[in-house]
Protein backbone atom coordinates (compact mmCIF):
# COMPACT_ATOMS: atom_id res chain seq x y z
CA UNK A 1 0.00 0.00 0.00
CA UNK A 2 1.09 3.52 -0.73
CA UNK A 3 2.82 5.07 2.27
CA UNK A 4 1.00 7.78 4.20
CA UNK A 5 2.46 11.29 3.94
CA UNK A 6 1.86 14.53 5.81
CA UNK A 7 -0.41 15.58 2.95
CA UNK A 8 -2.72 12.64 3.78
CA UNK A 9 -3.33 13.96 7.29
CA UNK A 10 -6.20 16.24 8.22
CA UNK A 11 -4.98 19.53 9.77
CA UNK A 12 -5.47 19.67 13.55
CA UNK A 13 -8.33 22.20 13.72
CA UNK A 14 -10.25 20.53 10.90
CA UNK A 15 -9.68 17.11 12.47
CA UNK A 16 -11.18 18.32 15.75
CA UNK A 17 -14.30 19.48 13.86
CA UNK A 18 -14.63 16.24 11.87
CA UNK A 19 -13.33 13.81 14.48
CA UNK A 20 -16.60 12.28 15.69
CA UNK A 21 -17.89 11.53 12.20
CA UNK A 22 -14.46 10.23 11.12
CA UNK A 23 -14.15 8.12 14.29
CA UNK A 24 -17.54 6.50 13.71
CA UNK A 25 -16.55 5.57 10.14
CA UNK A 26 -13.30 4.01 11.41
CA UNK A 27 -15.13 2.07 14.14
CA UNK A 28 -17.34 0.56 11.43
CA UNK A 29 -14.31 -0.18 9.21
CA UNK A 30 -12.46 -1.85 12.09
CA UNK A 31 -15.55 -3.91 12.95
CA UNK A 32 -15.29 -5.48 9.48
CA UNK A 33 -11.56 -6.03 9.96
CA UNK A 34 -11.60 -7.47 13.53
CA UNK A 35 -11.76 -11.17 14.41
CA UNK A 36 -11.48 -13.03 17.69
CA UNK A 37 -9.47 -16.22 18.12
CA UNK A 38 -10.88 -17.65 21.30
CA UNK A 39 -11.44 -15.45 24.33
CA UNK A 40 -7.94 -13.99 24.61
CA UNK A 41 -6.68 -13.13 21.10
CA UNK A 42 -8.05 -10.57 18.66
CA UNK A 43 -6.66 -9.67 15.25
CA UNK A 44 -7.39 -6.31 13.59
CA UNK A 45 -6.31 -6.23 9.96
CA UNK A 46 -4.78 -2.87 9.12
CA UNK A 47 -4.93 -0.72 6.00
CA UNK A 48 -4.19 2.91 5.10
CA UNK A 49 -7.39 4.18 6.72
CA UNK A 50 -7.04 2.34 10.04
CA UNK A 51 -3.42 3.48 10.34
CA UNK A 52 -4.17 7.05 9.26
CA UNK A 53 -6.74 7.23 12.06
CA UNK A 54 -4.18 5.96 14.59
CA UNK A 55 -1.71 8.62 13.44
CA UNK A 56 -4.36 11.36 13.64
CA UNK A 57 -5.28 10.25 17.16
CA UNK A 58 -1.64 10.08 18.26
CA UNK A 59 -1.03 13.60 16.94
CA UNK A 60 -4.18 14.80 18.70
CA UNK A 61 -3.48 13.16 22.07
CA UNK A 62 0.25 13.97 22.14
CA UNK A 63 -0.31 17.42 20.57
CA UNK A 64 2.36 16.86 17.95
CA UNK A 65 2.73 19.88 15.68
CA UNK A 66 6.42 19.78 14.72
CA UNK A 67 6.57 18.41 11.13
CA UNK A 68 9.63 16.30 12.00
CA UNK A 69 7.80 14.65 14.91
CA UNK A 70 4.75 14.09 12.68
CA UNK A 71 7.05 12.41 10.15
CA UNK A 72 8.41 10.15 12.89
CA UNK A 73 4.83 9.00 13.63
CA UNK A 74 4.23 8.45 9.93
CA UNK A 75 7.40 6.36 9.68
CA UNK A 76 6.35 4.15 12.61
CA UNK A 77 2.87 3.48 11.25
CA UNK A 78 3.89 3.19 7.60
CA UNK A 79 6.05 0.24 8.64
CA UNK A 80 2.80 -1.55 9.57
CA UNK A 81 1.17 -1.12 6.16
CA UNK A 82 0.86 -4.39 4.26
CA UNK A 83 3.27 -4.70 1.34
CA UNK A 84 2.10 -6.04 -2.01
CA UNK A 85 0.59 -9.51 -1.57
CA UNK A 86 0.45 -9.21 2.22
CA UNK A 87 -2.13 -8.90 4.94
CA UNK A 88 -1.04 -6.99 8.04
CA UNK A 89 -2.68 -7.21 11.45
CA UNK A 90 -2.38 -5.96 14.99
CA UNK A 91 -2.65 -8.97 17.31
CA UNK A 92 -3.99 -8.14 20.76
CA UNK A 93 -3.76 -10.44 23.75
CA UNK A 94 -6.94 -9.37 25.53
CA UNK A 95 -6.26 -9.37 29.27
CA UNK A 96 -8.38 -7.35 31.67
CA UNK A 97 -8.07 -9.16 35.00
CA UNK A 98 -4.96 -7.92 36.85
CA UNK A 99 -4.96 -11.05 39.05
CA UNK A 100 -4.46 -13.42 36.08
CA UNK A 101 -2.60 -11.12 33.67
CA UNK A 102 0.90 -12.40 34.46
CA UNK A 103 -0.24 -16.03 34.30
CA UNK A 104 -1.75 -15.48 30.82
CA UNK A 105 1.23 -13.49 29.53
CA UNK A 106 3.54 -16.27 30.74
CA UNK A 107 1.38 -18.79 28.87
CA UNK A 108 1.69 -16.76 25.66
CA UNK A 109 5.51 -16.57 25.86
CA UNK A 110 6.86 -17.73 22.50
CA UNK A 111 3.62 -17.08 20.61
CA UNK A 112 5.58 -14.77 18.31
CA UNK A 113 8.08 -17.47 17.29
CA UNK A 114 7.48 -20.37 14.94
CA UNK A 115 4.28 -21.54 13.33
CA UNK A 116 1.66 -20.57 15.91
CA UNK A 117 -0.83 -18.27 14.18
CA UNK A 118 -2.04 -19.60 10.86
CA UNK A 119 -4.20 -18.54 7.94
CA UNK A 120 -5.84 -21.39 6.03
CA UNK A 121 -7.53 -20.82 2.67
CA UNK A 122 -8.52 -23.66 0.41
CA UNK A 123 -5.94 -26.39 0.99
CA UNK A 124 -3.01 -24.12 1.90
CA UNK A 125 -1.77 -22.63 5.16
CA UNK A 126 0.62 -19.76 5.82
CA UNK A 127 1.80 -18.68 9.25
CA UNK A 128 1.98 -15.17 10.61
CA UNK A 129 5.37 -13.47 10.69
CA UNK A 130 5.66 -11.36 13.82
CA UNK A 131 7.49 -8.04 13.96
CA UNK A 132 10.42 -8.38 16.35
CA UNK A 133 10.99 -6.45 19.54
CA UNK A 134 7.73 -7.23 21.32
CA UNK A 135 9.07 -9.97 23.56
CA UNK A 136 12.25 -11.26 25.16
CA UNK A 137 13.22 -14.26 27.28
CA UNK A 138 11.04 -13.39 30.28
CA UNK A 139 8.34 -11.04 28.97
CA UNK A 140 5.89 -10.77 26.09
CA UNK A 141 3.90 -7.72 25.02
CA UNK A 142 0.11 -7.84 24.78
CA UNK A 143 0.30 -6.10 21.36
CA UNK A 144 2.02 -7.54 18.27
CA UNK A 145 2.17 -6.82 14.56
CA UNK A 146 1.78 -9.82 12.26
CA UNK A 147 2.06 -10.26 8.49
CA UNK A 148 0.53 -13.02 6.43
CA UNK A 149 1.67 -13.74 2.86
CA UNK A 150 -1.04 -15.85 1.21
CA UNK A 151 -0.11 -17.83 -1.90
CA UNK A 152 -1.87 -17.06 -5.22
CA UNK A 153 -4.02 -20.18 -4.71
CA UNK A 154 -5.00 -18.91 -1.26
CA UNK A 155 -5.98 -15.52 -2.69
CA UNK A 156 -8.23 -17.32 -5.18
CA UNK A 157 -9.79 -19.30 -2.31
CA UNK A 158 -10.31 -16.12 -0.26
CA UNK A 159 -12.33 -14.75 -3.19
CA UNK A 160 -14.43 -17.92 -3.51
CA UNK A 161 -17.40 -17.77 -1.12
CA UNK A 162 -17.66 -21.58 -1.23
CA UNK A 163 -14.06 -22.04 -0.03
CA UNK A 164 -13.29 -22.36 3.67
CA UNK A 165 -11.02 -19.66 5.10
CA UNK A 166 -9.97 -19.70 8.75
CA UNK A 167 -7.49 -18.23 11.20
CA UNK A 168 -5.98 -20.46 13.87
CA UNK A 169 -3.77 -20.19 16.90
CA UNK A 170 -2.07 -23.16 18.54
CA UNK A 171 0.32 -22.44 21.36
CA UNK A 172 0.97 -23.81 24.85
CA UNK A 173 -2.47 -25.30 25.26
CA UNK A 174 -4.28 -22.26 23.87
CA UNK A 175 -5.99 -23.42 20.71
CA UNK A 176 -8.61 -21.52 18.78
CA UNK A 177 -9.96 -21.31 15.26
CA UNK A 178 -12.27 -18.80 13.62
CA UNK A 179 -13.95 -18.91 10.23
CA UNK A 180 -13.20 -15.69 8.37
CA UNK A 181 -16.51 -14.03 7.43
CA UNK A 182 -17.14 -12.97 3.84
CA UNK A 183 -17.19 -9.26 4.75
CA UNK A 184 -13.64 -9.56 6.13
CA UNK A 185 -12.51 -11.56 3.11
CA UNK A 186 -13.75 -8.74 0.88
CA UNK A 187 -11.62 -6.30 2.89
CA UNK A 188 -8.63 -8.65 2.46
CA UNK A 189 -9.17 -8.89 -1.31
CA UNK A 190 -9.08 -5.12 -1.51
CA UNK A 191 -5.85 -5.05 0.53
CA UNK A 192 -4.27 -7.74 -1.63
CA UNK A 193 -5.18 -5.94 -4.86
CA UNK A 194 -3.80 -2.58 -3.72
CA UNK A 195 -0.46 -1.85 -5.33
CA UNK A 196 1.74 1.18 -4.67
C-alpha atoms as a PDB file:
ATOM      1  CA  UNK A   1       0.000   0.000   0.000  1.00  0.00           C
ATOM      2  CA  UNK A   2       1.086   3.525  -0.727  1.00  0.00           C
ATOM      3  CA  UNK A   3       2.819   5.075   2.272  1.00  0.00           C
ATOM      4  CA  UNK A   4       1.005   7.779   4.198  1.00  0.00           C
ATOM      5  CA  UNK A   5       2.459  11.287   3.936  1.00  0.00           C
ATOM      6  CA  UNK A   6       1.864  14.533   5.813  1.00  0.00           C
ATOM      7  CA  UNK A   7      -0.410  15.584   2.948  1.00  0.00           C
ATOM      8  CA  UNK A   8      -2.723  12.638   3.781  1.00  0.00           C
ATOM      9  CA  UNK A   9      -3.327  13.962   7.295  1.00  0.00           C
ATOM     10  CA  UNK A  10      -6.199  16.243   8.222  1.00  0.00           C
ATOM     11  CA  UNK A  11      -4.984  19.533   9.771  1.00  0.00           C
ATOM     12  CA  UNK A  12      -5.465  19.673  13.548  1.00  0.00           C
ATOM     13  CA  UNK A  13      -8.335  22.198  13.722  1.00  0.00           C
ATOM     14  CA  UNK A  14     -10.247  20.525  10.902  1.00  0.00           C
ATOM     15  CA  UNK A  15      -9.677  17.105  12.469  1.00  0.00           C
ATOM     16  CA  UNK A  16     -11.180  18.324  15.746  1.00  0.00           C
ATOM     17  CA  UNK A  17     -14.299  19.476  13.861  1.00  0.00           C
ATOM     18  CA  UNK A  18     -14.626  16.237  11.868  1.00  0.00           C
ATOM     19  CA  UNK A  19     -13.331  13.810  14.482  1.00  0.00           C
ATOM     20  CA  UNK A  20     -16.596  12.278  15.694  1.00  0.00           C
ATOM     21  CA  UNK A  21     -17.889  11.528  12.196  1.00  0.00           C
ATOM     22  CA  UNK A  22     -14.465  10.228  11.123  1.00  0.00           C
ATOM     23  CA  UNK A  23     -14.147   8.122  14.288  1.00  0.00           C
ATOM     24  CA  UNK A  24     -17.545   6.500  13.708  1.00  0.00           C
ATOM     25  CA  UNK A  25     -16.545   5.567  10.142  1.00  0.00           C
ATOM     26  CA  UNK A  26     -13.298   4.006  11.406  1.00  0.00           C
ATOM     27  CA  UNK A  27     -15.132   2.069  14.139  1.00  0.00           C
ATOM     28  CA  UNK A  28     -17.336   0.555  11.427  1.00  0.00           C
ATOM     29  CA  UNK A  29     -14.306  -0.182   9.214  1.00  0.00           C
ATOM     30  CA  UNK A  30     -12.457  -1.851  12.092  1.00  0.00           C
ATOM     31  CA  UNK A  31     -15.547  -3.910  12.951  1.00  0.00           C
ATOM     32  CA  UNK A  32     -15.293  -5.483   9.478  1.00  0.00           C
ATOM     33  CA  UNK A  33     -11.555  -6.034   9.964  1.00  0.00           C
ATOM     34  CA  UNK A  34     -11.601  -7.472  13.529  1.00  0.00           C
ATOM     35  CA  UNK A  35     -11.762 -11.175  14.409  1.00  0.00           C
ATOM     36  CA  UNK A  36     -11.480 -13.030  17.693  1.00  0.00           C
ATOM     37  CA  UNK A  37      -9.474 -16.223  18.117  1.00  0.00           C
ATOM     38  CA  UNK A  38     -10.880 -17.653  21.299  1.00  0.00           C
ATOM     39  CA  UNK A  39     -11.438 -15.453  24.326  1.00  0.00           C
ATOM     40  CA  UNK A  40      -7.942 -13.994  24.613  1.00  0.00           C
ATOM     41  CA  UNK A  41      -6.682 -13.128  21.104  1.00  0.00           C
ATOM     42  CA  UNK A  42      -8.049 -10.569  18.662  1.00  0.00           C
ATOM     43  CA  UNK A  43      -6.656  -9.665  15.251  1.00  0.00           C
ATOM     44  CA  UNK A  44      -7.389  -6.310  13.589  1.00  0.00           C
ATOM     45  CA  UNK A  45      -6.309  -6.230   9.959  1.00  0.00           C
ATOM     46  CA  UNK A  46      -4.775  -2.866   9.118  1.00  0.00           C
ATOM     47  CA  UNK A  47      -4.928  -0.720   5.995  1.00  0.00           C
ATOM     48  CA  UNK A  48      -4.191   2.908   5.104  1.00  0.00           C
ATOM     49  CA  UNK A  49      -7.388   4.184   6.722  1.00  0.00           C
ATOM     50  CA  UNK A  50      -7.036   2.341  10.037  1.00  0.00           C
ATOM     51  CA  UNK A  51      -3.424   3.483  10.343  1.00  0.00           C
ATOM     52  CA  UNK A  52      -4.173   7.046   9.256  1.00  0.00           C
ATOM     53  CA  UNK A  53      -6.743   7.226  12.062  1.00  0.00           C
ATOM     54  CA  UNK A  54      -4.181   5.955  14.586  1.00  0.00           C
ATOM     55  CA  UNK A  55      -1.708   8.616  13.444  1.00  0.00           C
ATOM     56  CA  UNK A  56      -4.361  11.359  13.638  1.00  0.00           C
ATOM     57  CA  UNK A  57      -5.280  10.253  17.156  1.00  0.00           C
ATOM     58  CA  UNK A  58      -1.640  10.083  18.259  1.00  0.00           C
ATOM     59  CA  UNK A  59      -1.028  13.603  16.938  1.00  0.00           C
ATOM     60  CA  UNK A  60      -4.182  14.797  18.703  1.00  0.00           C
ATOM     61  CA  UNK A  61      -3.478  13.163  22.070  1.00  0.00           C
ATOM     62  CA  UNK A  62       0.247  13.972  22.144  1.00  0.00           C
ATOM     63  CA  UNK A  63      -0.310  17.423  20.567  1.00  0.00           C
ATOM     64  CA  UNK A  64       2.363  16.856  17.947  1.00  0.00           C
ATOM     65  CA  UNK A  65       2.732  19.884  15.682  1.00  0.00           C
ATOM     66  CA  UNK A  66       6.416  19.778  14.720  1.00  0.00           C
ATOM     67  CA  UNK A  67       6.575  18.409  11.128  1.00  0.00           C
ATOM     68  CA  UNK A  68       9.635  16.302  11.995  1.00  0.00           C
ATOM     69  CA  UNK A  69       7.802  14.650  14.906  1.00  0.00           C
ATOM     70  CA  UNK A  70       4.747  14.093  12.682  1.00  0.00           C
ATOM     71  CA  UNK A  71       7.046  12.412  10.151  1.00  0.00           C
ATOM     72  CA  UNK A  72       8.406  10.145  12.886  1.00  0.00           C
ATOM     73  CA  UNK A  73       4.830   8.999  13.634  1.00  0.00           C
ATOM     74  CA  UNK A  74       4.226   8.446   9.926  1.00  0.00           C
ATOM     75  CA  UNK A  75       7.399   6.357   9.678  1.00  0.00           C
ATOM     76  CA  UNK A  76       6.348   4.148  12.612  1.00  0.00           C
ATOM     77  CA  UNK A  77       2.867   3.477  11.253  1.00  0.00           C
ATOM     78  CA  UNK A  78       3.886   3.187   7.599  1.00  0.00           C
ATOM     79  CA  UNK A  79       6.050   0.238   8.642  1.00  0.00           C
ATOM     80  CA  UNK A  80       2.799  -1.553   9.572  1.00  0.00           C
ATOM     81  CA  UNK A  81       1.171  -1.119   6.161  1.00  0.00           C
ATOM     82  CA  UNK A  82       0.860  -4.387   4.259  1.00  0.00           C
ATOM     83  CA  UNK A  83       3.267  -4.702   1.341  1.00  0.00           C
ATOM     84  CA  UNK A  84       2.098  -6.041  -2.012  1.00  0.00           C
ATOM     85  CA  UNK A  85       0.594  -9.515  -1.574  1.00  0.00           C
ATOM     86  CA  UNK A  86       0.450  -9.207   2.225  1.00  0.00           C
ATOM     87  CA  UNK A  87      -2.131  -8.899   4.938  1.00  0.00           C
ATOM     88  CA  UNK A  88      -1.035  -6.993   8.041  1.00  0.00           C
ATOM     89  CA  UNK A  89      -2.684  -7.211  11.446  1.00  0.00           C
ATOM     90  CA  UNK A  90      -2.384  -5.962  14.989  1.00  0.00           C
ATOM     91  CA  UNK A  91      -2.651  -8.965  17.311  1.00  0.00           C
ATOM     92  CA  UNK A  92      -3.988  -8.140  20.759  1.00  0.00           C
ATOM     93  CA  UNK A  93      -3.758 -10.438  23.749  1.00  0.00           C
ATOM     94  CA  UNK A  94      -6.936  -9.373  25.533  1.00  0.00           C
ATOM     95  CA  UNK A  95      -6.259  -9.369  29.269  1.00  0.00           C
ATOM     96  CA  UNK A  96      -8.381  -7.347  31.675  1.00  0.00           C
ATOM     97  CA  UNK A  97      -8.069  -9.157  34.998  1.00  0.00           C
ATOM     98  CA  UNK A  98      -4.955  -7.920  36.847  1.00  0.00           C
ATOM     99  CA  UNK A  99      -4.961 -11.050  39.045  1.00  0.00           C
ATOM    100  CA  UNK A 100      -4.464 -13.421  36.082  1.00  0.00           C
ATOM    101  CA  UNK A 101      -2.602 -11.122  33.674  1.00  0.00           C
ATOM    102  CA  UNK A 102       0.901 -12.397  34.462  1.00  0.00           C
ATOM    103  CA  UNK A 103      -0.244 -16.027  34.295  1.00  0.00           C
ATOM    104  CA  UNK A 104      -1.745 -15.477  30.815  1.00  0.00           C
ATOM    105  CA  UNK A 105       1.234 -13.487  29.528  1.00  0.00           C
ATOM    106  CA  UNK A 106       3.539 -16.265  30.741  1.00  0.00           C
ATOM    107  CA  UNK A 107       1.378 -18.785  28.865  1.00  0.00           C
ATOM    108  CA  UNK A 108       1.689 -16.761  25.659  1.00  0.00           C
ATOM    109  CA  UNK A 109       5.514 -16.570  25.857  1.00  0.00           C
ATOM    110  CA  UNK A 110       6.861 -17.729  22.498  1.00  0.00           C
ATOM    111  CA  UNK A 111       3.622 -17.084  20.612  1.00  0.00           C
ATOM    112  CA  UNK A 112       5.584 -14.773  18.313  1.00  0.00           C
ATOM    113  CA  UNK A 113       8.083 -17.471  17.289  1.00  0.00           C
ATOM    114  CA  UNK A 114       7.476 -20.371  14.945  1.00  0.00           C
ATOM    115  CA  UNK A 115       4.278 -21.544  13.334  1.00  0.00           C
ATOM    116  CA  UNK A 116       1.662 -20.574  15.913  1.00  0.00           C
ATOM    117  CA  UNK A 117      -0.833 -18.272  14.176  1.00  0.00           C
ATOM    118  CA  UNK A 118      -2.042 -19.602  10.856  1.00  0.00           C
ATOM    119  CA  UNK A 119      -4.198 -18.538   7.936  1.00  0.00           C
ATOM    120  CA  UNK A 120      -5.842 -21.386   6.029  1.00  0.00           C
ATOM    121  CA  UNK A 121      -7.527 -20.820   2.668  1.00  0.00           C
ATOM    122  CA  UNK A 122      -8.516 -23.665   0.407  1.00  0.00           C
ATOM    123  CA  UNK A 123      -5.936 -26.392   0.987  1.00  0.00           C
ATOM    124  CA  UNK A 124      -3.005 -24.124   1.898  1.00  0.00           C
ATOM    125  CA  UNK A 125      -1.774 -22.631   5.164  1.00  0.00           C
ATOM    126  CA  UNK A 126       0.618 -19.758   5.824  1.00  0.00           C
ATOM    127  CA  UNK A 127       1.800 -18.681   9.249  1.00  0.00           C
ATOM    128  CA  UNK A 128       1.983 -15.170  10.610  1.00  0.00           C
ATOM    129  CA  UNK A 129       5.371 -13.473  10.690  1.00  0.00           C
ATOM    130  CA  UNK A 130       5.659 -11.358  13.819  1.00  0.00           C
ATOM    131  CA  UNK A 131       7.490  -8.044  13.961  1.00  0.00           C
ATOM    132  CA  UNK A 132      10.425  -8.382  16.345  1.00  0.00           C
ATOM    133  CA  UNK A 133      10.994  -6.445  19.540  1.00  0.00           C
ATOM    134  CA  UNK A 134       7.732  -7.231  21.320  1.00  0.00           C
ATOM    135  CA  UNK A 135       9.070  -9.974  23.562  1.00  0.00           C
ATOM    136  CA  UNK A 136      12.248 -11.255  25.162  1.00  0.00           C
ATOM    137  CA  UNK A 137      13.217 -14.255  27.281  1.00  0.00           C
ATOM    138  CA  UNK A 138      11.037 -13.387  30.279  1.00  0.00           C
ATOM    139  CA  UNK A 139       8.336 -11.040  28.975  1.00  0.00           C
ATOM    140  CA  UNK A 140       5.886 -10.767  26.086  1.00  0.00           C
ATOM    141  CA  UNK A 141       3.903  -7.717  25.016  1.00  0.00           C
ATOM    142  CA  UNK A 142       0.113  -7.841  24.778  1.00  0.00           C
ATOM    143  CA  UNK A 143       0.295  -6.099  21.359  1.00  0.00           C
ATOM    144  CA  UNK A 144       2.025  -7.542  18.273  1.00  0.00           C
ATOM    145  CA  UNK A 145       2.168  -6.820  14.559  1.00  0.00           C
ATOM    146  CA  UNK A 146       1.780  -9.817  12.265  1.00  0.00           C
ATOM    147  CA  UNK A 147       2.060 -10.260   8.492  1.00  0.00           C
ATOM    148  CA  UNK A 148       0.534 -13.023   6.425  1.00  0.00           C
ATOM    149  CA  UNK A 149       1.674 -13.740   2.856  1.00  0.00           C
ATOM    150  CA  UNK A 150      -1.043 -15.851   1.207  1.00  0.00           C
ATOM    151  CA  UNK A 151      -0.108 -17.827  -1.899  1.00  0.00           C
ATOM    152  CA  UNK A 152      -1.868 -17.057  -5.216  1.00  0.00           C
ATOM    153  CA  UNK A 153      -4.021 -20.182  -4.714  1.00  0.00           C
ATOM    154  CA  UNK A 154      -5.004 -18.912  -1.261  1.00  0.00           C
ATOM    155  CA  UNK A 155      -5.984 -15.516  -2.693  1.00  0.00           C
ATOM    156  CA  UNK A 156      -8.226 -17.320  -5.185  1.00  0.00           C
ATOM    157  CA  UNK A 157      -9.792 -19.301  -2.313  1.00  0.00           C
ATOM    158  CA  UNK A 158     -10.306 -16.117  -0.265  1.00  0.00           C
ATOM    159  CA  UNK A 159     -12.326 -14.754  -3.194  1.00  0.00           C
ATOM    160  CA  UNK A 160     -14.434 -17.918  -3.511  1.00  0.00           C
ATOM    161  CA  UNK A 161     -17.402 -17.773  -1.124  1.00  0.00           C
ATOM    162  CA  UNK A 162     -17.655 -21.579  -1.227  1.00  0.00           C
ATOM    163  CA  UNK A 163     -14.057 -22.042  -0.028  1.00  0.00           C
ATOM    164  CA  UNK A 164     -13.288 -22.360   3.668  1.00  0.00           C
ATOM    165  CA  UNK A 165     -11.016 -19.663   5.100  1.00  0.00           C
ATOM    166  CA  UNK A 166      -9.971 -19.703   8.751  1.00  0.00           C
ATOM    167  CA  UNK A 167      -7.489 -18.232  11.197  1.00  0.00           C
ATOM    168  CA  UNK A 168      -5.980 -20.458  13.872  1.00  0.00           C
ATOM    169  CA  UNK A 169      -3.771 -20.189  16.898  1.00  0.00           C
ATOM    170  CA  UNK A 170      -2.072 -23.162  18.537  1.00  0.00           C
ATOM    171  CA  UNK A 171       0.323 -22.435  21.357  1.00  0.00           C
ATOM    172  CA  UNK A 172       0.975 -23.809  24.851  1.00  0.00           C
ATOM    173  CA  UNK A 173      -2.470 -25.299  25.260  1.00  0.00           C
ATOM    174  CA  UNK A 174      -4.278 -22.261  23.866  1.00  0.00           C
ATOM    175  CA  UNK A 175      -5.994 -23.425  20.707  1.00  0.00           C
ATOM    176  CA  UNK A 176      -8.614 -21.517  18.781  1.00  0.00           C
ATOM    177  CA  UNK A 177      -9.957 -21.310  15.265  1.00  0.00           C
ATOM    178  CA  UNK A 178     -12.269 -18.800  13.616  1.00  0.00           C
ATOM    179  CA  UNK A 179     -13.953 -18.912  10.233  1.00  0.00           C
ATOM    180  CA  UNK A 180     -13.196 -15.689   8.372  1.00  0.00           C
ATOM    181  CA  UNK A 181     -16.513 -14.032   7.427  1.00  0.00           C
ATOM    182  CA  UNK A 182     -17.136 -12.969   3.841  1.00  0.00           C
ATOM    183  CA  UNK A 183     -17.195  -9.263   4.754  1.00  0.00           C
ATOM    184  CA  UNK A 184     -13.642  -9.557   6.128  1.00  0.00           C
ATOM    185  CA  UNK A 185     -12.510 -11.561   3.107  1.00  0.00           C
ATOM    186  CA  UNK A 186     -13.746  -8.736   0.877  1.00  0.00           C
ATOM    187  CA  UNK A 187     -11.617  -6.304   2.891  1.00  0.00           C
ATOM    188  CA  UNK A 188      -8.630  -8.647   2.457  1.00  0.00           C
ATOM    189  CA  UNK A 189      -9.167  -8.890  -1.306  1.00  0.00           C
ATOM    190  CA  UNK A 190      -9.083  -5.115  -1.506  1.00  0.00           C
ATOM    191  CA  UNK A 191      -5.846  -5.048   0.528  1.00  0.00           C
ATOM    192  CA  UNK A 192      -4.271  -7.739  -1.630  1.00  0.00           C
ATOM    193  CA  UNK A 193      -5.180  -5.943  -4.861  1.00  0.00           C
ATOM    194  CA  UNK A 194      -3.802  -2.585  -3.719  1.00  0.00           C
ATOM    195  CA  UNK A 195      -0.456  -1.851  -5.331  1.00  0.00           C
ATOM    196  CA  UNK A 196       1.743   1.184  -4.666  1.00  0.00           C
END
